[in-house]
Amino acid sequence: MSELLKVVHIAAIAVWCAGLISLPSLYVQRKTLSGPALHRLQRIVRAAYIVLVSPCAFVAVASGTALIFTEQVYQPWFAAKLAFVGALAFLHVLTGLVVIRLFREGETYRPARFVVATGLASVVILSILWLVLAKPVFPGLQDGWFRPGALQEIIAPLNPWARS
């Protein structure tokens, strides 16, 4: 079961990440098109985002959440990975906002924005990939912080309403 879940997770992440990297290259084409070609590009971009990239993002997050419980990963590198996954989800939302706004009358997508969006998505994706493959040890972090129930013990001295 765990192996099948990993395959689904990796496949969904691959499509999600490919979409976040490739969609800005479609946005840049908006400047040079008009008429039916512009409407075709708009249909392609919206379909890619709504029908392909967004469902894969949902499947990636859902299967990743399930893997947390099946694999019981409570390590510092995993917490860092989840922070980058949060950044990836934020980029996904920003991508959706661009898709909504881009095809209004007079809107364009500058090439510099394309470079920044693609580069930022690539850095976040490569950071996640590095964390998963390298599983680095972060010196200075106590190992006990990442086990289940540790947060309760860490904040207990600060809680004025603690129960015995």
N, C-alpha and C. Protein backbone atom coordinates (compact mmCIF):
# COMPACT_ATOMS: atom_id res chain seq x y z
N MET A 1 0.82 -1.19 0.00
CA MET A 1 0.00 0.00 0.00
C MET A 1 0.87 1.26 0.00
N SER A 2 1.90 1.24 0.83
CA SER A 2 2.78 2.39 0.93
C SER A 2 3.51 2.66 -0.39
N GLU A 3 3.91 1.62 -1.09
CA GLU A 3 4.61 1.79 -2.36
C GLU A 3 3.70 2.41 -3.41
N LEU A 4 2.45 1.96 -3.47
CA LEU A 4 1.49 2.53 -4.41
C LEU A 4 1.23 4.00 -4.09
N LEU A 5 1.14 4.31 -2.83
CA LEU A 5 0.94 5.69 -2.40
C LEU A 5 2.12 6.58 -2.81
N LYS A 6 3.32 6.04 -2.70
CA LYS A 6 4.51 6.78 -3.10
C LYS A 6 4.52 7.03 -4.61
N VAL A 7 4.12 6.04 -5.39
CA VAL A 7 4.06 6.20 -6.85
C VAL A 7 3.06 7.29 -7.23
N VAL A 8 1.89 7.26 -6.61
CA VAL A 8 0.87 8.27 -6.87
C VAL A 8 1.39 9.65 -6.46
N HIS A 9 2.04 9.72 -5.32
CA HIS A 9 2.58 10.98 -4.81
C HIS A 9 3.63 11.55 -5.76
N ILE A 10 4.55 10.74 -6.18
CA ILE A 10 5.62 11.20 -7.07
C ILE A 10 5.08 11.61 -8.43
N ALA A 11 4.13 10.84 -8.97
CA ALA A 11 3.54 11.19 -10.27
C ALA A 11 2.79 12.52 -10.19
N ALA A 12 2.03 12.70 -9.12
CA ALA A 12 1.27 13.94 -8.96
C ALA A 12 2.21 15.13 -8.78
N ILE A 13 3.27 14.95 -8.02
CA ILE A 13 4.24 16.03 -7.83
C ILE A 13 4.92 16.38 -9.15
N ALA A 14 5.24 15.38 -9.94
CA ALA A 14 5.90 15.63 -11.23
C ALA A 14 5.03 16.50 -12.13
N VAL A 15 3.75 16.18 -12.21
CA VAL A 15 2.85 16.96 -13.07
C VAL A 15 2.64 18.36 -12.48
N TRP A 16 2.45 18.44 -11.17
CA TRP A 16 2.25 19.74 -10.51
C TRP A 16 3.45 20.65 -10.75
N CYS A 17 4.64 20.14 -10.52
CA CYS A 17 5.85 20.94 -10.68
C CYS A 17 6.08 21.31 -12.15
N ALA A 18 5.84 20.38 -13.04
CA ALA A 18 6.00 20.67 -14.47
C ALA A 18 5.05 21.79 -14.89
N GLY A 19 3.84 21.77 -14.36
CA GLY A 19 2.89 22.83 -14.68
C GLY A 19 3.34 24.18 -14.16
N LEU A 20 3.83 24.22 -12.91
CA LEU A 20 4.26 25.49 -12.34
C LEU A 20 5.48 26.06 -13.06
N ILE A 21 6.31 25.18 -13.61
CA ILE A 21 7.48 25.65 -14.34
C ILE A 21 7.12 26.07 -15.77
N SER A 22 6.19 25.36 -16.40
CA SER A 22 5.91 25.62 -17.81
C SER A 22 4.83 26.67 -18.07
N LEU A 23 3.91 26.88 -17.16
CA LEU A 23 2.84 27.85 -17.41
C LEU A 23 3.35 29.27 -17.68
N PRO A 24 4.36 29.77 -16.98
CA PRO A 24 4.83 31.12 -17.31
C PRO A 24 5.31 31.28 -18.75
N SER A 25 5.82 30.21 -19.36
CA SER A 25 6.24 30.31 -20.76
C SER A 25 5.03 30.50 -21.68
N LEU A 26 3.87 30.00 -21.27
CA LEU A 26 2.65 30.26 -22.04
C LEU A 26 2.16 31.68 -21.82
N TYR A 27 2.33 32.20 -20.61
CA TYR A 27 1.87 33.56 -20.31
C TYR A 27 2.57 34.59 -21.19
N VAL A 28 3.86 34.39 -21.44
CA VAL A 28 4.64 35.35 -22.22
C VAL A 28 4.08 35.46 -23.63
N GLN A 29 3.52 34.40 -24.16
CA GLN A 29 2.98 34.41 -25.52
C GLN A 29 1.76 35.30 -25.66
N ARG A 30 1.14 35.68 -24.57
CA ARG A 30 -0.08 36.49 -24.60
C ARG A 30 0.16 37.82 -25.31
N LYS A 31 1.33 38.38 -25.17
CA LYS A 31 1.65 39.69 -25.73
C LYS A 31 1.57 39.72 -27.25
N THR A 32 1.95 38.64 -27.90
CA THR A 32 2.03 38.62 -29.36
C THR A 32 0.77 38.13 -30.05
N LEU A 33 -0.23 37.68 -29.28
CA LEU A 33 -1.41 37.08 -29.90
C LEU A 33 -2.63 37.99 -29.80
N SER A 34 -3.56 37.77 -30.73
CA SER A 34 -4.84 38.46 -30.68
C SER A 34 -5.87 37.61 -31.41
N GLY A 35 -7.13 37.94 -31.20
CA GLY A 35 -8.22 37.24 -31.89
C GLY A 35 -8.35 35.79 -31.47
N PRO A 36 -8.61 34.92 -32.46
CA PRO A 36 -8.82 33.50 -32.15
C PRO A 36 -7.59 32.81 -31.53
N ALA A 37 -6.41 33.24 -31.93
CA ALA A 37 -5.19 32.64 -31.36
C ALA A 37 -5.09 32.95 -29.87
N LEU A 38 -5.48 34.17 -29.48
CA LEU A 38 -5.46 34.55 -28.07
C LEU A 38 -6.48 33.74 -27.28
N HIS A 39 -7.66 33.55 -27.86
CA HIS A 39 -8.69 32.77 -27.17
C HIS A 39 -8.28 31.30 -27.03
N ARG A 40 -7.58 30.79 -28.03
CA ARG A 40 -7.08 29.41 -27.96
C ARG A 40 -6.03 29.29 -26.84
N LEU A 41 -5.13 30.26 -26.76
CA LEU A 41 -4.12 30.26 -25.70
C LEU A 41 -4.80 30.34 -24.34
N GLN A 42 -5.81 31.18 -24.21
CA GLN A 42 -6.53 31.31 -22.95
C GLN A 42 -7.17 29.98 -22.55
N ARG A 43 -7.79 29.29 -23.49
CA ARG A 43 -8.40 27.98 -23.20
C ARG A 43 -7.34 26.97 -22.78
N ILE A 44 -6.21 26.98 -23.45
CA ILE A 44 -5.13 26.04 -23.12
C ILE A 44 -4.60 26.30 -21.71
N VAL A 45 -4.34 27.57 -21.40
CA VAL A 45 -3.78 27.92 -20.09
C VAL A 45 -4.77 27.58 -18.98
N ARG A 46 -6.01 27.97 -19.15
CA ARG A 46 -7.00 27.68 -18.11
C ARG A 46 -7.24 26.18 -17.95
N ALA A 47 -7.31 25.46 -19.06
CA ALA A 47 -7.50 24.01 -18.96
C ALA A 47 -6.30 23.36 -18.28
N ALA A 48 -5.10 23.79 -18.62
CA ALA A 48 -3.91 23.21 -17.99
C ALA A 48 -3.93 23.45 -16.50
N TYR A 49 -4.30 24.65 -16.09
CA TYR A 49 -4.30 24.97 -14.66
C TYR A 49 -5.44 24.27 -13.93
N ILE A 50 -6.64 24.33 -14.49
CA ILE A 50 -7.82 23.82 -13.78
C ILE A 50 -7.97 22.30 -13.89
N VAL A 51 -7.71 21.77 -15.06
CA VAL A 51 -7.96 20.34 -15.30
C VAL A 51 -6.76 19.46 -14.96
N LEU A 52 -5.56 20.00 -15.09
CA LEU A 52 -4.37 19.15 -14.91
C LEU A 52 -3.56 19.52 -13.66
N VAL A 53 -3.09 20.75 -13.58
CA VAL A 53 -2.14 21.14 -12.53
C VAL A 53 -2.81 21.17 -11.15
N SER A 54 -3.97 21.79 -11.03
CA SER A 54 -4.62 21.89 -9.72
C SER A 54 -5.04 20.53 -9.15
N PRO A 55 -5.67 19.65 -9.94
CA PRO A 55 -5.97 18.32 -9.37
C PRO A 55 -4.72 17.56 -8.95
N CYS A 56 -3.65 17.68 -9.72
CA CYS A 56 -2.41 17.00 -9.35
C CYS A 56 -1.83 17.59 -8.07
N ALA A 57 -1.98 18.90 -7.87
CA ALA A 57 -1.53 19.51 -6.62
C ALA A 57 -2.32 18.95 -5.45
N PHE A 58 -3.61 18.81 -5.62
CA PHE A 58 -4.45 18.25 -4.56
C PHE A 58 -4.05 16.81 -4.26
N VAL A 59 -3.85 16.00 -5.30
CA VAL A 59 -3.47 14.60 -5.11
C VAL A 59 -2.09 14.51 -4.46
N ALA A 60 -1.17 15.40 -4.85
CA ALA A 60 0.18 15.39 -4.26
C ALA A 60 0.12 15.69 -2.77
N VAL A 61 -0.65 16.70 -2.40
CA VAL A 61 -0.75 17.06 -0.98
C VAL A 61 -1.49 15.98 -0.20
N ALA A 62 -2.58 15.45 -0.76
CA ALA A 62 -3.35 14.42 -0.06
C ALA A 62 -2.53 13.13 0.11
N SER A 63 -1.87 12.70 -0.96
CA SER A 63 -1.07 11.48 -0.85
C SER A 63 0.15 11.70 0.05
N GLY A 64 0.72 12.91 0.02
CA GLY A 64 1.82 13.21 0.92
C GLY A 64 1.39 13.20 2.38
N THR A 65 0.20 13.71 2.64
CA THR A 65 -0.33 13.67 4.00
C THR A 65 -0.55 12.24 4.45
N ALA A 66 -1.07 11.40 3.57
CA ALA A 66 -1.25 9.99 3.91
C ALA A 66 0.10 9.31 4.16
N LEU A 67 1.10 9.69 3.38
CA LEU A 67 2.44 9.10 3.58
C LEU A 67 3.06 9.49 4.91
N ILE A 68 2.71 10.66 5.42
CA ILE A 68 3.22 11.06 6.74
C ILE A 68 2.81 10.03 7.77
N PHE A 69 1.57 9.57 7.68
CA PHE A 69 1.07 8.62 8.67
C PHE A 69 1.55 7.20 8.41
N THR A 70 1.73 6.83 7.15
CA THR A 70 2.18 5.46 6.87
C THR A 70 3.68 5.30 7.12
N GLU A 71 4.45 6.34 6.84
CA GLU A 71 5.91 6.26 6.98
C GLU A 71 6.40 6.78 8.33
N GLN A 72 5.57 7.52 9.04
CA GLN A 72 5.91 8.10 10.34
C GLN A 72 7.24 8.84 10.30
N VAL A 73 7.27 9.87 9.45
CA VAL A 73 8.48 10.69 9.30
C VAL A 73 8.37 11.89 10.23
N TYR A 74 9.22 11.93 11.23
CA TYR A 74 9.24 13.04 12.19
C TYR A 74 10.69 13.49 12.34
N GLN A 75 11.25 14.03 11.30
CA GLN A 75 12.65 14.46 11.31
C GLN A 75 12.73 15.94 10.94
N PRO A 76 13.80 16.63 11.33
CA PRO A 76 13.94 18.05 10.99
C PRO A 76 13.93 18.32 9.49
N TRP A 77 14.53 17.45 8.68
CA TRP A 77 14.55 17.68 7.24
C TRP A 77 13.13 17.66 6.69
N PHE A 78 12.26 16.86 7.30
CA PHE A 78 10.89 16.75 6.82
C PHE A 78 10.11 18.02 7.13
N ALA A 79 10.38 18.63 8.28
CA ALA A 79 9.75 19.90 8.61
C ALA A 79 10.18 20.98 7.62
N ALA A 80 11.44 20.98 7.24
CA ALA A 80 11.92 21.94 6.24
C ALA A 80 11.27 21.67 4.89
N LYS A 81 11.11 20.41 4.55
CA LYS A 81 10.44 20.05 3.29
C LYS A 81 9.01 20.57 3.28
N LEU A 82 8.31 20.41 4.39
CA LEU A 82 6.93 20.89 4.45
C LEU A 82 6.87 22.41 4.31
N ALA A 83 7.86 23.12 4.80
CA ALA A 83 7.90 24.57 4.61
C ALA A 83 8.03 24.92 3.13
N PHE A 84 8.86 24.18 2.42
CA PHE A 84 9.00 24.42 0.97
C PHE A 84 7.76 23.98 0.21
N VAL A 85 7.08 22.95 0.67
CA VAL A 85 5.81 22.56 0.04
C VAL A 85 4.78 23.67 0.23
N GLY A 86 4.80 24.30 1.39
CA GLY A 86 3.93 25.46 1.61
C GLY A 86 4.25 26.58 0.63
N ALA A 87 5.54 26.81 0.38
CA ALA A 87 5.95 27.82 -0.60
C ALA A 87 5.48 27.42 -2.00
N LEU A 88 5.54 26.14 -2.31
CA LEU A 88 5.07 25.66 -3.61
C LEU A 88 3.56 25.87 -3.75
N ALA A 89 2.82 25.62 -2.69
CA ALA A 89 1.37 25.86 -2.71
C ALA A 89 1.08 27.35 -2.89
N PHE A 90 1.88 28.21 -2.25
CA PHE A 90 1.72 29.65 -2.41
C PHE A 90 1.96 30.06 -3.87
N LEU A 91 3.00 29.51 -4.50
CA LEU A 91 3.26 29.77 -5.91
C LEU A 91 2.11 29.28 -6.78
N HIS A 92 1.50 28.18 -6.39
CA HIS A 92 0.35 27.64 -7.13
C HIS A 92 -0.81 28.64 -7.09
N VAL A 93 -1.07 29.20 -5.94
CA VAL A 93 -2.15 30.19 -5.81
C VAL A 93 -1.83 31.43 -6.63
N LEU A 94 -0.59 31.90 -6.58
CA LEU A 94 -0.20 33.06 -7.39
C LEU A 94 -0.36 32.77 -8.87
N THR A 95 -0.04 31.55 -9.29
CA THR A 95 -0.22 31.16 -10.67
C THR A 95 -1.69 31.24 -11.07
N GLY A 96 -2.56 30.79 -10.20
CA GLY A 96 -4.00 30.88 -10.47
C GLY A 96 -4.46 32.32 -10.61
N LEU A 97 -3.93 33.21 -9.79
CA LEU A 97 -4.29 34.62 -9.89
C LEU A 97 -3.82 35.23 -11.21
N VAL A 98 -2.66 34.80 -11.67
CA VAL A 98 -2.16 35.27 -12.97
C VAL A 98 -3.07 34.77 -14.08
N VAL A 99 -3.49 33.52 -14.01
CA VAL A 99 -4.37 32.95 -15.04
C VAL A 99 -5.67 33.75 -15.12
N ILE A 100 -6.20 34.14 -13.97
CA ILE A 100 -7.45 34.91 -13.95
C ILE A 100 -7.25 36.30 -14.57
N ARG A 101 -6.16 36.95 -14.21
CA ARG A 101 -5.95 38.34 -14.61
C ARG A 101 -5.36 38.51 -16.01
N LEU A 102 -4.57 37.58 -16.46
CA LEU A 102 -3.75 37.75 -17.65
C LEU A 102 -4.55 38.02 -18.92
N PHE A 103 -5.70 37.44 -19.06
CA PHE A 103 -6.41 37.53 -20.33
C PHE A 103 -7.45 38.66 -20.37
N ARG A 104 -7.35 39.59 -19.42
CA ARG A 104 -8.16 40.80 -19.50
C ARG A 104 -7.59 41.70 -20.60
N GLU A 105 -8.41 42.59 -21.07
CA GLU A 105 -8.00 43.50 -22.13
C GLU A 105 -6.77 44.32 -21.71
N GLY A 106 -5.75 44.32 -22.55
CA GLY A 106 -4.57 45.13 -22.32
C GLY A 106 -3.53 44.55 -21.38
N GLU A 107 -3.77 43.40 -20.79
CA GLU A 107 -2.81 42.80 -19.86
C GLU A 107 -1.69 42.11 -20.63
N THR A 108 -0.50 42.13 -20.06
CA THR A 108 0.64 41.42 -20.63
C THR A 108 1.42 40.74 -19.50
N TYR A 109 2.34 39.93 -19.88
CA TYR A 109 3.21 39.24 -18.92
C TYR A 109 4.63 39.47 -19.39
N ARG A 110 5.36 40.29 -18.65
CA ARG A 110 6.71 40.67 -19.07
C ARG A 110 7.67 39.49 -19.00
N PRO A 111 8.63 39.45 -19.91
CA PRO A 111 9.63 38.37 -19.87
C PRO A 111 10.41 38.30 -18.56
N ALA A 112 10.64 39.45 -17.93
CA ALA A 112 11.36 39.44 -16.65
C ALA A 112 10.55 38.69 -15.59
N ARG A 113 9.26 38.86 -15.63
CA ARG A 113 8.39 38.12 -14.70
C ARG A 113 8.44 36.62 -14.97
N PHE A 114 8.52 36.27 -16.25
CA PHE A 114 8.65 34.87 -16.63
C PHE A 114 9.92 34.26 -16.02
N VAL A 115 11.02 34.99 -16.11
CA VAL A 115 12.30 34.51 -15.57
C VAL A 115 12.21 34.35 -14.06
N VAL A 116 11.63 35.34 -13.38
CA VAL A 116 11.52 35.29 -11.92
C VAL A 116 10.59 34.14 -11.49
N ALA A 117 9.42 34.03 -12.14
CA ALA A 117 8.46 32.98 -11.76
C ALA A 117 9.03 31.59 -12.00
N THR A 118 9.64 31.39 -13.15
CA THR A 118 10.21 30.08 -13.46
C THR A 118 11.39 29.77 -12.55
N GLY A 119 12.23 30.76 -12.31
CA GLY A 119 13.39 30.56 -11.44
C GLY A 119 12.98 30.27 -10.00
N LEU A 120 12.01 31.01 -9.49
CA LEU A 120 11.55 30.80 -8.12
C LEU A 120 10.92 29.42 -7.96
N ALA A 121 10.08 29.04 -8.91
CA ALA A 121 9.48 27.70 -8.85
C ALA A 121 10.56 26.63 -8.92
N SER A 122 11.54 26.83 -9.76
CA SER A 122 12.63 25.84 -9.89
C SER A 122 13.43 25.72 -8.61
N VAL A 123 13.72 26.85 -7.96
CA VAL A 123 14.49 26.83 -6.72
C VAL A 123 13.71 26.09 -5.62
N VAL A 124 12.41 26.38 -5.51
CA VAL A 124 11.59 25.71 -4.49
C VAL A 124 11.52 24.21 -4.77
N ILE A 125 11.31 23.84 -6.02
CA ILE A 125 11.20 22.42 -6.39
C ILE A 125 12.53 21.70 -6.14
N LEU A 126 13.63 22.31 -6.54
CA LEU A 126 14.94 21.69 -6.32
C LEU A 126 15.27 21.60 -4.83
N SER A 127 14.83 22.56 -4.05
CA SER A 127 15.05 22.50 -2.60
C SER A 127 14.30 21.32 -1.99
N ILE A 128 13.07 21.13 -2.41
CA ILE A 128 12.29 19.98 -1.93
C ILE A 128 12.97 18.68 -2.33
N LEU A 129 13.37 18.61 -3.58
CA LEU A 129 14.03 17.39 -4.08
C LEU A 129 15.31 17.12 -3.30
N TRP A 130 16.11 18.15 -3.04
CA TRP A 130 17.35 17.96 -2.29
C TRP A 130 17.04 17.48 -0.87
N LEU A 131 16.07 18.10 -0.21
CA LEU A 131 15.74 17.70 1.16
C LEU A 131 15.28 16.25 1.22
N VAL A 132 14.49 15.83 0.25
CA VAL A 132 13.97 14.45 0.25
C VAL A 132 15.08 13.45 -0.03
N LEU A 133 15.97 13.78 -0.95
CA LEU A 133 17.01 12.82 -1.32
C LEU A 133 18.19 12.83 -0.34
N ALA A 134 18.58 14.00 0.14
CA ALA A 134 19.75 14.09 1.02
C ALA A 134 19.41 13.80 2.49
N LYS A 135 18.18 14.11 2.89
CA LYS A 135 17.76 13.96 4.29
C LYS A 135 18.84 14.51 5.22
N PRO A 136 19.14 15.81 5.08
CA PRO A 136 20.25 16.39 5.86
C PRO A 136 19.94 16.43 7.35
N VAL A 137 21.00 16.43 8.12
CA VAL A 137 20.90 16.58 9.57
C VAL A 137 21.17 18.04 9.87
N PHE A 138 20.28 18.65 10.62
CA PHE A 138 20.44 20.05 10.98
C PHE A 138 21.01 20.13 12.38
N PRO A 139 22.30 20.48 12.49
CA PRO A 139 22.91 20.56 13.81
C PRO A 139 22.27 21.68 14.63
N GLY A 140 22.19 21.46 15.92
CA GLY A 140 21.62 22.47 16.80
C GLY A 140 20.15 22.28 17.09
N LEU A 141 19.48 21.46 16.30
CA LEU A 141 18.08 21.17 16.58
C LEU A 141 18.00 19.91 17.42
N GLN A 142 17.24 19.98 18.46
CA GLN A 142 17.09 18.81 19.31
C GLN A 142 16.21 17.79 18.61
N ASP A 143 16.65 16.55 18.61
CA ASP A 143 15.89 15.49 17.95
C ASP A 143 14.51 15.32 18.55
N GLY A 144 14.38 15.56 19.84
CA GLY A 144 13.10 15.36 20.51
C GLY A 144 12.01 16.33 20.06
N TRP A 145 12.39 17.41 19.40
CA TRP A 145 11.40 18.40 18.96
C TRP A 145 10.47 17.85 17.90
N PHE A 146 10.88 16.86 17.15
CA PHE A 146 10.13 16.41 15.99
C PHE A 146 9.40 15.09 16.21
N ARG A 147 9.30 14.66 17.43
CA ARG A 147 8.52 13.46 17.70
C ARG A 147 7.09 13.88 18.05
N PRO A 148 6.13 13.00 17.85
CA PRO A 148 4.74 13.35 18.17
C PRO A 148 4.58 13.72 19.63
N GLY A 149 3.87 14.80 19.89
CA GLY A 149 3.62 15.25 21.25
C GLY A 149 4.66 16.18 21.81
N ALA A 150 5.74 16.42 21.09
CA ALA A 150 6.83 17.24 21.60
C ALA A 150 6.43 18.71 21.75
N LEU A 151 5.58 19.20 20.86
CA LEU A 151 5.18 20.60 20.93
C LEU A 151 4.47 20.90 22.25
N GLN A 152 3.66 19.96 22.71
CA GLN A 152 2.95 20.14 23.97
C GLN A 152 3.93 20.29 25.13
N GLU A 153 4.98 19.48 25.13
CA GLU A 153 5.97 19.56 26.19
C GLU A 153 6.82 20.83 26.10
N ILE A 154 7.06 21.30 24.88
CA ILE A 154 7.88 22.50 24.70
C ILE A 154 7.15 23.73 25.20
N ILE A 155 5.86 23.82 24.92
CA ILE A 155 5.12 25.03 25.30
C ILE A 155 4.44 24.92 26.66
N ALA A 156 4.50 23.77 27.31
CA ALA A 156 3.85 23.59 28.61
C ALA A 156 4.28 24.62 29.65
N PRO A 157 5.56 24.96 29.75
CA PRO A 157 5.94 25.98 30.75
C PRO A 157 5.37 27.37 30.43
N LEU A 158 4.99 27.61 29.21
CA LEU A 158 4.46 28.91 28.81
C LEU A 158 2.94 29.00 28.93
N ASN A 159 2.28 27.87 29.14
CA ASN A 159 0.82 27.80 29.14
C ASN A 159 0.29 28.07 30.57
N PRO A 160 -0.41 29.20 30.77
CA PRO A 160 -0.94 29.48 32.11
C PRO A 160 -2.17 28.64 32.45
N TRP A 161 -2.76 27.98 31.47
CA TRP A 161 -3.97 27.16 31.70
C TRP A 161 -3.67 25.67 31.61
N ALA A 162 -2.46 25.28 31.88
CA ALA A 162 -2.07 23.86 31.76
C ALA A 162 -2.88 23.00 32.71
N ARG A 163 -3.21 21.81 32.22
CA ARG A 163 -3.89 20.82 33.05
C ARG A 163 -2.87 19.80 33.53
N SER A 164 -3.16 19.23 34.68
CA SER A 164 -2.24 18.24 35.25
C SER A 164 -2.47 16.90 34.64
